[in-house]
Amino acid sequence: MLTRDASCTRDLLWRLELPAGDDATQLADRLAASGWRDRSLLPILRDLEGPDGHRVVIVPRTGRVQLRICYVVPPDARAGAAARLAAALSQPG
């Protein structure tokens, strides 16, 4: 399930609830293996940047997944960009 993050005011931050049984740590590893740049500074927070500038931030301990839409996406296209990214991330392996 995709919802706008509570702290978001410009449709740039979105929260993604992974389907039951999906592991956020495995998602981070899969993104890193597929070419997403790992910008993580600490192991408690995984921060990965995709080729289009969108980022996925994962808190392994809680399983929280936040999508950060690139600021260059026009405001009226941000919700759609978040939905497309969420759908891509929800695809198995």
PDB file of N, CA and C in Angstrom:
ATOM      1  N   MET A   1       0.843  -1.172   0.000  1.00  0.00           N
ATOM      2  CA  MET A   1       0.000   0.000   0.000  1.00  0.00           C
ATOM      3  C   MET A   1       0.891   1.238   0.000  1.00  0.00           C
ATOM      4  N   LEU A   2       0.551   2.193  -0.816  1.00  0.00           N
ATOM      5  CA  LEU A   2       1.306   3.429  -0.935  1.00  0.00           C
ATOM      6  C   LEU A   2       0.487   4.582  -0.355  1.00  0.00           C
ATOM      7  N   THR A   3       1.093   5.336   0.553  1.00  0.00           N
ATOM      8  CA  THR A   3       0.436   6.514   1.126  1.00  0.00           C
ATOM      9  C   THR A   3       1.443   7.656   1.195  1.00  0.00           C
ATOM     10  N   ARG A   4       0.918   8.861   1.080  1.00  0.00           N
ATOM     11  CA  ARG A   4       1.802  10.015   1.212  1.00  0.00           C
ATOM     12  C   ARG A   4       2.296  10.066   2.641  1.00  0.00           C
ATOM     13  N   ASP A   5       3.582  10.317   2.814  1.00  0.00           N
ATOM     14  CA  ASP A   5       4.178  10.363   4.144  1.00  0.00           C
ATOM     15  C   ASP A   5       3.595  11.539   4.921  1.00  0.00           C
ATOM     16  N   ALA A   6       3.419  11.355   6.209  1.00  0.00           N
ATOM     17  CA  ALA A   6       2.807  12.384   7.057  1.00  0.00           C
ATOM     18  C   ALA A   6       3.605  13.685   7.050  1.00  0.00           C
ATOM     19  N   SER A   7       4.908  13.596   6.854  1.00  0.00           N
ATOM     20  CA  SER A   7       5.737  14.796   6.882  1.00  0.00           C
ATOM     21  C   SER A   7       5.831  15.484   5.527  1.00  0.00           C
ATOM     22  N   CYS A   8       5.153  14.939   4.521  1.00  0.00           N
ATOM     23  CA  CYS A   8       5.277  15.457   3.162  1.00  0.00           C
ATOM     24  C   CYS A   8       4.260  16.559   2.883  1.00  0.00           C
ATOM     25  N   THR A   9       4.741  17.630   2.263  1.00  0.00           N
ATOM     26  CA  THR A   9       3.838  18.719   1.873  1.00  0.00           C
ATOM     27  C   THR A   9       3.862  18.970   0.370  1.00  0.00           C
ATOM     28  N   ARG A  10       4.806  18.334  -0.348  1.00  0.00           N
ATOM     29  CA  ARG A  10       4.928  18.591  -1.784  1.00  0.00           C
ATOM     30  C   ARG A  10       4.892  17.309  -2.624  1.00  0.00           C
ATOM     31  N   ASP A  11       4.322  16.247  -2.093  1.00  0.00           N
ATOM     32  CA  ASP A  11       4.214  14.960  -2.791  1.00  0.00           C
ATOM     33  C   ASP A  11       5.567  14.377  -3.179  1.00  0.00           C
ATOM     34  N   LEU A  12       6.581  14.621  -2.376  1.00  0.00           N
ATOM     35  CA  LEU A  12       7.907  14.064  -2.643  1.00  0.00           C
ATOM     36  C   LEU A  12       8.207  12.835  -1.791  1.00  0.00           C
ATOM     37  N   LEU A  13       7.551  12.690  -0.644  1.00  0.00           N
ATOM     38  CA  LEU A  13       7.825  11.586   0.277  1.00  0.00           C
ATOM     39  C   LEU A  13       6.604  10.688   0.386  1.00  0.00           C
ATOM     40  N   TRP A  14       6.822   9.383   0.190  1.00  0.00           N
ATOM     41  CA  TRP A  14       5.739   8.408   0.212  1.00  0.00           C
ATOM     42  C   TRP A  14       6.146   7.209   1.044  1.00  0.00           C
ATOM     43  N   ARG A  15       5.189   6.626   1.729  1.00  0.00           N
ATOM     44  CA  ARG A  15       5.449   5.432   2.531  1.00  0.00           C
ATOM     45  C   ARG A  15       4.891   4.228   1.785  1.00  0.00           C
ATOM     46  N   LEU A  16       5.712   3.197   1.681  1.00  0.00           N
ATOM     47  CA  LEU A  16       5.309   1.974   1.010  1.00  0.00           C
ATOM     48  C   LEU A  16       5.234   0.844   2.021  1.00  0.00           C
ATOM     49  N   GLU A  17       4.059   0.253   2.140  1.00  0.00           N
ATOM     50  CA  GLU A  17       3.888  -0.927   2.979  1.00  0.00           C
ATOM     51  C   GLU A  17       4.101  -2.135   2.081  1.00  0.00           C
ATOM     52  N   LEU A  18       5.112  -2.920   2.379  1.00  0.00           N
ATOM     53  CA  LEU A  18       5.388  -4.105   1.577  1.00  0.00           C
ATOM     54  C   LEU A  18       4.347  -5.182   1.852  1.00  0.00           C
ATOM     55  N   PRO A  19       4.067  -6.024   0.869  1.00  0.00           N
ATOM     56  CA  PRO A  19       3.133  -7.136   1.097  1.00  0.00           C
ATOM     57  C   PRO A  19       3.640  -8.048   2.217  1.00  0.00           C
ATOM     58  N   ALA A  20       2.733  -8.694   2.892  1.00  0.00           N
ATOM     59  CA  ALA A  20       3.098  -9.610   3.972  1.00  0.00           C
ATOM     60  C   ALA A  20       4.092 -10.642   3.451  1.00  0.00           C
ATOM     61  N   GLY A  21       5.124 -10.868   4.224  1.00  0.00           N
ATOM     62  CA  GLY A  21       6.129 -11.848   3.841  1.00  0.00           C
ATOM     63  C   GLY A  21       7.308 -11.257   3.083  1.00  0.00           C
ATOM     64  N   ASP A  22       7.164 -10.051   2.547  1.00  0.00           N
ATOM     65  CA  ASP A  22       8.284  -9.404   1.865  1.00  0.00           C
ATOM     66  C   ASP A  22       9.229  -8.815   2.907  1.00  0.00           C
ATOM     67  N   ASP A  23      10.501  -8.871   2.622  1.00  0.00           N
ATOM     68  CA  ASP A  23      11.518  -8.423   3.560  1.00  0.00           C
ATOM     69  C   ASP A  23      12.174  -7.143   3.032  1.00  0.00           C
ATOM     70  N   ALA A  24      12.159  -6.093   3.829  1.00  0.00           N
ATOM     71  CA  ALA A  24      12.711  -4.813   3.403  1.00  0.00           C
ATOM     72  C   ALA A  24      14.218  -4.905   3.168  1.00  0.00           C
ATOM     73  N   THR A  25      14.916  -5.703   3.968  1.00  0.00           N
ATOM     74  CA  THR A  25      16.356  -5.858   3.776  1.00  0.00           C
ATOM     75  C   THR A  25      16.653  -6.528   2.445  1.00  0.00           C
ATOM     76  N   GLN A  26      15.859  -7.522   2.076  1.00  0.00           N
ATOM     77  CA  GLN A  26      16.045  -8.176   0.784  1.00  0.00           C
ATOM     78  C   GLN A  26      15.761  -7.209  -0.357  1.00  0.00           C
ATOM     79  N   LEU A  27      14.784  -6.338  -0.179  1.00  0.00           N
ATOM     80  CA  LEU A  27      14.495  -5.320  -1.188  1.00  0.00           C
ATOM     81  C   LEU A  27      15.709  -4.414  -1.377  1.00  0.00           C
ATOM     82  N   ALA A  28      16.321  -3.979  -0.288  1.00  0.00           N
ATOM     83  CA  ALA A  28      17.504  -3.124  -0.377  1.00  0.00           C
ATOM     84  C   ALA A  28      18.637  -3.848  -1.101  1.00  0.00           C
ATOM     85  N   ASP A  29      18.850  -5.102  -0.765  1.00  0.00           N
ATOM     86  CA  ASP A  29      19.910  -5.875  -1.412  1.00  0.00           C
ATOM     87  C   ASP A  29      19.622  -6.055  -2.900  1.00  0.00           C
ATOM     88  N   ARG A  30      18.364  -6.286  -3.242  1.00  0.00           N
ATOM     89  CA  ARG A  30      17.981  -6.468  -4.647  1.00  0.00           C
ATOM     90  C   ARG A  30      18.207  -5.178  -5.437  1.00  0.00           C
ATOM     91  N   LEU A  31      17.844  -4.035  -4.844  1.00  0.00           N
ATOM     92  CA  LEU A  31      18.063  -2.756  -5.522  1.00  0.00           C
ATOM     93  C   LEU A  31      19.554  -2.493  -5.731  1.00  0.00           C
ATOM     94  N   ALA A  32      20.350  -2.740  -4.702  1.00  0.00           N
ATOM     95  CA  ALA A  32      21.794  -2.527  -4.814  1.00  0.00           C
ATOM     96  C   ALA A  32      22.392  -3.430  -5.893  1.00  0.00           C
ATOM     97  N   ALA A  33      21.933  -4.671  -5.957  1.00  0.00           N
ATOM     98  CA  ALA A  33      22.444  -5.615  -6.951  1.00  0.00           C
ATOM     99  C   ALA A  33      22.028  -5.244  -8.373  1.00  0.00           C
ATOM    100  N   SER A  34      20.923  -4.502  -8.497  1.00  0.00           N
ATOM    101  CA  SER A  34      20.442  -4.150  -9.836  1.00  0.00           C
ATOM    102  C   SER A  34      20.935  -2.772 -10.299  1.00  0.00           C
ATOM    103  N   GLY A  35      21.890  -2.206  -9.564  1.00  0.00           N
ATOM    104  CA  GLY A  35      22.505  -0.973 -10.023  1.00  0.00           C
ATOM    105  C   GLY A  35      22.112   0.291  -9.289  1.00  0.00           C
ATOM    106  N   TRP A  36      21.219   0.195  -8.321  1.00  0.00           N
ATOM    107  CA  TRP A  36      20.888   1.386  -7.532  1.00  0.00           C
ATOM    108  C   TRP A  36      22.119   1.730  -6.683  1.00  0.00           C
ATOM    109  N   ARG A  37      22.424   3.014  -6.592  1.00  0.00           N
ATOM    110  CA  ARG A  37      23.592   3.471  -5.834  1.00  0.00           C
ATOM    111  C   ARG A  37      23.275   3.480  -4.337  1.00  0.00           C
ATOM    112  N   ASP A  38      24.104   2.801  -3.573  1.00  0.00           N
ATOM    113  CA  ASP A  38      23.906   2.741  -2.123  1.00  0.00           C
ATOM    114  C   ASP A  38      24.559   3.968  -1.504  1.00  0.00           C
ATOM    115  N   ARG A  39      23.734   4.863  -0.980  1.00  0.00           N
ATOM    116  CA  ARG A  39      24.205   6.102  -0.359  1.00  0.00           C
ATOM    117  C   ARG A  39      24.189   6.004   1.172  1.00  0.00           C
ATOM    118  N   SER A  40      24.032   4.806   1.686  1.00  0.00           N
ATOM    119  CA  SER A  40      23.904   4.605   3.129  1.00  0.00           C
ATOM    120  C   SER A  40      25.176   5.030   3.860  1.00  0.00           C
ATOM    121  N   LEU A  41      24.984   5.717   4.964  1.00  0.00           N
ATOM    122  CA  LEU A  41      26.106   6.103   5.815  1.00  0.00           C
ATOM    123  C   LEU A  41      26.213   5.212   7.042  1.00  0.00           C
ATOM    124  N   LEU A  42      25.084   4.643   7.454  1.00  0.00           N
ATOM    125  CA  LEU A  42      25.040   3.776   8.631  1.00  0.00           C
ATOM    126  C   LEU A  42      24.200   2.543   8.304  1.00  0.00           C
ATOM    127  N   PRO A  43      24.509   1.401   8.927  1.00  0.00           N
ATOM    128  CA  PRO A  43      23.734   0.193   8.626  1.00  0.00           C
ATOM    129  C   PRO A  43      22.295   0.231   9.138  1.00  0.00           C
ATOM    130  N   ILE A  44      21.972   1.172  10.011  1.00  0.00           N
ATOM    131  CA  ILE A  44      20.611   1.238  10.538  1.00  0.00           C
ATOM    132  C   ILE A  44      19.641   1.885   9.555  1.00  0.00           C
ATOM    133  N   LEU A  45      20.175   2.454   8.462  1.00  0.00           N
ATOM    134  CA  LEU A  45      19.334   3.123   7.473  1.00  0.00           C
ATOM    135  C   LEU A  45      19.926   2.878   6.091  1.00  0.00           C
ATOM    136  N   ARG A  46      19.168   2.189   5.236  1.00  0.00           N
ATOM    137  CA  ARG A  46      19.621   1.951   3.865  1.00  0.00           C
ATOM    138  C   ARG A  46      19.036   3.038   2.974  1.00  0.00           C
ATOM    139  N   ASP A  47      19.876   3.710   2.228  1.00  0.00           N
ATOM    140  CA  ASP A  47      19.473   4.802   1.350  1.00  0.00           C
ATOM    141  C   ASP A  47      20.000   4.489  -0.044  1.00  0.00           C
ATOM    142  N   LEU A  48      19.088   4.186  -0.969  1.00  0.00           N
ATOM    143  CA  LEU A  48      19.476   3.795  -2.319  1.00  0.00           C
ATOM    144  C   LEU A  48      18.905   4.764  -3.338  1.00  0.00           C
ATOM    145  N   GLU A  49      19.729   5.134  -4.321  1.00  0.00           N
ATOM    146  CA  GLU A  49      19.309   6.073  -5.346  1.00  0.00           C
ATOM    147  C   GLU A  49      19.293   5.381  -6.701  1.00  0.00           C
ATOM    148  N   GLY A  50      18.137   5.499  -7.375  1.00  0.00           N
ATOM    149  CA  GLY A  50      17.978   4.886  -8.679  1.00  0.00           C
ATOM    150  C   GLY A  50      18.517   5.767  -9.788  1.00  0.00           C
ATOM    151  N   PRO A  51      18.583   5.234 -10.994  1.00  0.00           N
ATOM    152  CA  PRO A  51      19.142   5.979 -12.124  1.00  0.00           C
ATOM    153  C   PRO A  51      18.343   7.231 -12.487  1.00  0.00           C
ATOM    154  N   ASP A  52      17.075   7.278 -12.085  1.00  0.00           N
ATOM    155  CA  ASP A  52      16.224   8.428 -12.403  1.00  0.00           C
ATOM    156  C   ASP A  52      16.208   9.471 -11.290  1.00  0.00           C
ATOM    157  N   GLY A  53      17.018   9.261 -10.242  1.00  0.00           N
ATOM    158  CA  GLY A  53      17.110  10.226  -9.150  1.00  0.00           C
ATOM    159  C   GLY A  53      16.176   9.958  -7.988  1.00  0.00           C
ATOM    160  N   HIS A  54      15.218   9.027  -8.145  1.00  0.00           N
ATOM    161  CA  HIS A  54      14.353   8.671  -7.030  1.00  0.00           C
ATOM    162  C   HIS A  54      15.176   7.876  -6.018  1.00  0.00           C
ATOM    163  N   ARG A  55      14.787   7.987  -4.762  1.00  0.00           N
ATOM    164  CA  ARG A  55      15.502   7.261  -3.711  1.00  0.00           C
ATOM    165  C   ARG A  55      14.532   6.393  -2.931  1.00  0.00           C
ATOM    166  N   VAL A  56      15.064   5.311  -2.400  1.00  0.00           N
ATOM    167  CA  VAL A  56      14.319   4.424  -1.517  1.00  0.00           C
ATOM    168  C   VAL A  56      15.111   4.341  -0.220  1.00  0.00           C
ATOM    169  N   VAL A  57      14.460   4.714   0.872  1.00  0.00           N
ATOM    170  CA  VAL A  57      15.096   4.684   2.188  1.00  0.00           C
ATOM    171  C   VAL A  57      14.410   3.588   2.998  1.00  0.00           C
ATOM    172  N   ILE A  58      15.224   2.685   3.547  1.00  0.00           N
ATOM    173  CA  ILE A  58      14.697   1.524   4.265  1.00  0.00           C
ATOM    174  C   ILE A  58      15.304   1.482   5.659  1.00  0.00           C
ATOM    175  N   VAL A  59      14.446   1.269   6.650  1.00  0.00           N
ATOM    176  CA  VAL A  59      14.900   1.054   8.021  1.00  0.00           C
ATOM    177  C   VAL A  59      14.801  -0.450   8.264  1.00  0.00           C
ATOM    178  N   PRO A  60      15.913  -1.175   8.174  1.00  0.00           N
ATOM    179  CA  PRO A  60      15.857  -2.637   8.280  1.00  0.00           C
ATOM    180  C   PRO A  60      15.215  -3.147   9.576  1.00  0.00           C
ATOM    181  N   ARG A  61      15.465  -2.470  10.663  1.00  0.00           N
ATOM    182  CA  ARG A  61      14.950  -2.939  11.959  1.00  0.00           C
ATOM    183  C   ARG A  61      13.418  -2.952  12.005  1.00  0.00           C
ATOM    184  N   THR A  62      12.784  -1.944  11.393  1.00  0.00           N
ATOM    185  CA  THR A  62      11.325  -1.839  11.444  1.00  0.00           C
ATOM    186  C   THR A  62      10.644  -2.268  10.149  1.00  0.00           C
ATOM    187  N   GLY A  63      11.419  -2.315   9.065  1.00  0.00           N
ATOM    188  CA  GLY A  63      10.835  -2.645   7.775  1.00  0.00           C
ATOM    189  C   GLY A  63      10.195  -1.455   7.080  1.00  0.00           C
ATOM    190  N   ARG A  64      10.356  -0.269   7.639  1.00  0.00           N
ATOM    191  CA  ARG A  64       9.778   0.931   7.027  1.00  0.00           C
ATOM    192  C   ARG A  64      10.464   1.219   5.688  1.00  0.00           C
ATOM    193  N   VAL A  65       9.654   1.540   4.682  1.00  0.00           N
ATOM    194  CA  VAL A  65      10.167   1.867   3.350  1.00  0.00           C
ATOM    195  C   VAL A  65       9.599   3.224   2.946  1.00  0.00           C
ATOM    196  N   GLN A  66      10.489   4.158   2.659  1.00  0.00           N
ATOM    197  CA  GLN A  66      10.068   5.484   2.217  1.00  0.00           C
ATOM    198  C   GLN A  66      10.580   5.713   0.800  1.00  0.00           C
ATOM    199  N   LEU A  67       9.696   6.176  -0.066  1.00  0.00           N
ATOM    200  CA  LEU A  67      10.066   6.541  -1.422  1.00  0.00           C
ATOM    201  C   LEU A  67      10.263   8.046  -1.447  1.00  0.00           C
ATOM    202  N   ARG A  68      11.371   8.476  -2.015  1.00  0.00           N
ATOM    203  CA  ARG A  68      11.664   9.915  -2.133  1.00  0.00           C
ATOM    204  C   ARG A  68      11.731  10.241  -3.625  1.00  0.00           C
ATOM    205  N   ILE A  69      10.696  10.905  -4.093  1.00  0.00           N
ATOM    206  CA  ILE A  69      10.594  11.227  -5.503  1.00  0.00           C
ATOM    207  C   ILE A  69      11.543  12.385  -5.824  1.00  0.00           C
ATOM    208  N   CYS A  70      12.235  12.276  -6.943  1.00  0.00           N
ATOM    209  CA  CYS A  70      13.194  13.295  -7.355  1.00  0.00           C
ATOM    210  C   CYS A  70      12.484  14.643  -7.514  1.00  0.00           C
ATOM    211  N   TYR A  71      13.090  15.679  -6.996  1.00  0.00           N
ATOM    212  CA  TYR A  71      12.471  17.009  -6.983  1.00  0.00           C
ATOM    213  C   TYR A  71      12.233  17.593  -8.372  1.00  0.00           C
ATOM    214  N   VAL A  72      12.907  17.074  -9.401  1.00  0.00           N
ATOM    215  CA  VAL A  72      12.720  17.632 -10.742  1.00  0.00           C
ATOM    216  C   VAL A  72      11.435  17.141 -11.409  1.00  0.00           C
ATOM    217  N   VAL A  73      10.776  16.143 -10.820  1.00  0.00           N
ATOM    218  CA  VAL A  73       9.491  15.687 -11.346  1.00  0.00           C
ATOM    219  C   VAL A  73       8.462  16.792 -11.099  1.00  0.00           C
ATOM    220  N   PRO A  74       7.722  17.197 -12.130  1.00  0.00           N
ATOM    221  CA  PRO A  74       6.722  18.254 -11.943  1.00  0.00           C
ATOM    222  C   PRO A  74       5.711  17.887 -10.850  1.00  0.00           C
ATOM    223  N   PRO A  75       5.265  18.862 -10.078  1.00  0.00           N
ATOM    224  CA  PRO A  75       4.351  18.576  -8.968  1.00  0.00           C
ATOM    225  C   PRO A  75       3.131  17.744  -9.349  1.00  0.00           C
ATOM    226  N   ASP A  76       2.551  17.991 -10.512  1.00  0.00           N
ATOM    227  CA  ASP A  76       1.350  17.240 -10.881  1.00  0.00           C
ATOM    228  C   ASP A  76       1.652  15.826 -11.334  1.00  0.00           C
ATOM    229  N   ALA A  77       2.923  15.462 -11.466  1.00  0.00           N
ATOM    230  CA  ALA A  77       3.295  14.113 -11.896  1.00  0.00           C
ATOM    231  C   ALA A  77       3.906  13.284 -10.763  1.00  0.00           C
ATOM    232  N   ARG A  78       4.052  13.862  -9.589  1.00  0.00           N
ATOM    233  CA  ARG A  78       4.738  13.171  -8.495  1.00  0.00           C
ATOM    234  C   ARG A  78       3.973  11.979  -7.957  1.00  0.00           C
ATOM    235  N   ALA A  79       2.661  12.100  -7.797  1.00  0.00           N
ATOM    236  CA  ALA A  79       1.875  10.966  -7.289  1.00  0.00           C
ATOM    237  C   ALA A  79       1.968   9.787  -8.259  1.00  0.00           C
ATOM    238  N   GLY A  80       1.909  10.056  -9.542  1.00  0.00           N
ATOM    239  CA  GLY A  80       2.038   9.001 -10.538  1.00  0.00           C
ATOM    240  C   GLY A  80       3.416   8.368 -10.525  1.00  0.00           C
ATOM    241  N   ALA A  81       4.454   9.186 -10.355  1.00  0.00           N
ATOM    242  CA  ALA A  81       5.818   8.666 -10.281  1.00  0.00           C
ATOM    243  C   ALA A  81       5.972   7.755  -9.065  1.00  0.00           C
ATOM    244  N   ALA A  82       5.384   8.160  -7.948  1.00  0.00           N
ATOM    245  CA  ALA A  82       5.450   7.335  -6.738  1.00  0.00           C
ATOM    246  C   ALA A  82       4.719   6.007  -6.949  1.00  0.00           C
ATOM    247  N   ALA A  83       3.573   6.057  -7.595  1.00  0.00           N
ATOM    248  CA  ALA A  83       2.796   4.834  -7.840  1.00  0.00           C
ATOM    249  C   ALA A  83       3.559   3.885  -8.766  1.00  0.00           C
ATOM    250  N   ARG A  84       4.190   4.422  -9.803  1.00  0.00           N
ATOM    251  CA  ARG A  84       4.974   3.575 -10.716  1.00  0.00           C
ATOM    252  C   ARG A  84       6.176   2.959 -10.007  1.00  0.00           C
ATOM    253  N   LEU A  85       6.851   3.744  -9.175  1.00  0.00           N
ATOM    254  CA  LEU A  85       7.995   3.223  -8.426  1.00  0.00           C
ATOM    255  C   LEU A  85       7.547   2.152  -7.449  1.00  0.00           C
ATOM    256  N   ALA A  86       6.452   2.388  -6.752  1.00  0.00           N
ATOM    257  CA  ALA A  86       5.929   1.401  -5.804  1.00  0.00           C
ATOM    258  C   ALA A  86       5.578   0.091  -6.517  1.00  0.00           C
ATOM    259  N   ALA A  87       4.953   0.201  -7.690  1.00  0.00           N
ATOM    260  CA  ALA A  87       4.593  -0.989  -8.446  1.00  0.00           C
ATOM    261  C   ALA A  87       5.837  -1.757  -8.874  1.00  0.00           C
ATOM    262  N   ALA A  88       6.863  -1.037  -9.311  1.00  0.00           N
ATOM    263  CA  ALA A  88       8.110  -1.692  -9.722  1.00  0.00           C
ATOM    264  C   ALA A  88       8.785  -2.386  -8.546  1.00  0.00           C
ATOM    265  N   LEU A  89       8.758  -1.761  -7.384  1.00  0.00           N
ATOM    266  CA  LEU A  89       9.392  -2.347  -6.199  1.00  0.00           C
ATOM    267  C   LEU A  89       8.637  -3.545  -5.676  1.00  0.00           C
ATOM    268  N   SER A  90       7.352  -3.604  -5.961  1.00  0.00           N
ATOM    269  CA  SER A  90       6.517  -4.690  -5.464  1.00  0.00           C
ATOM    270  C   SER A  90       6.621  -5.954  -6.334  1.00  0.00           C
ATOM    271  N   GLN A  91       7.294  -5.841  -7.477  1.00  0.00           N
ATOM    272  CA  GLN A  91       7.472  -6.999  -8.342  1.00  0.00           C
ATOM    273  C   GLN A  91       8.482  -7.950  -7.706  1.00  0.00           C
ATOM    274  N   PRO A  92       8.199  -9.249  -7.756  1.00  0.00           N
ATOM    275  CA  PRO A  92       9.150 -10.203  -7.164  1.00  0.00           C
ATOM    276  C   PRO A  92      10.473 -10.213  -7.926  1.00  0.00           C
ATOM    277  N   GLY A  93      11.559 -10.404  -7.137  1.00  0.00           N
ATOM    278  CA  GLY A  93      12.911 -10.577  -7.643  1.00  0.00           C
ATOM    279  C   GLY A  93      13.193  -9.926  -8.895  1.00  0.00           C
TER     280      GLY A  93
END
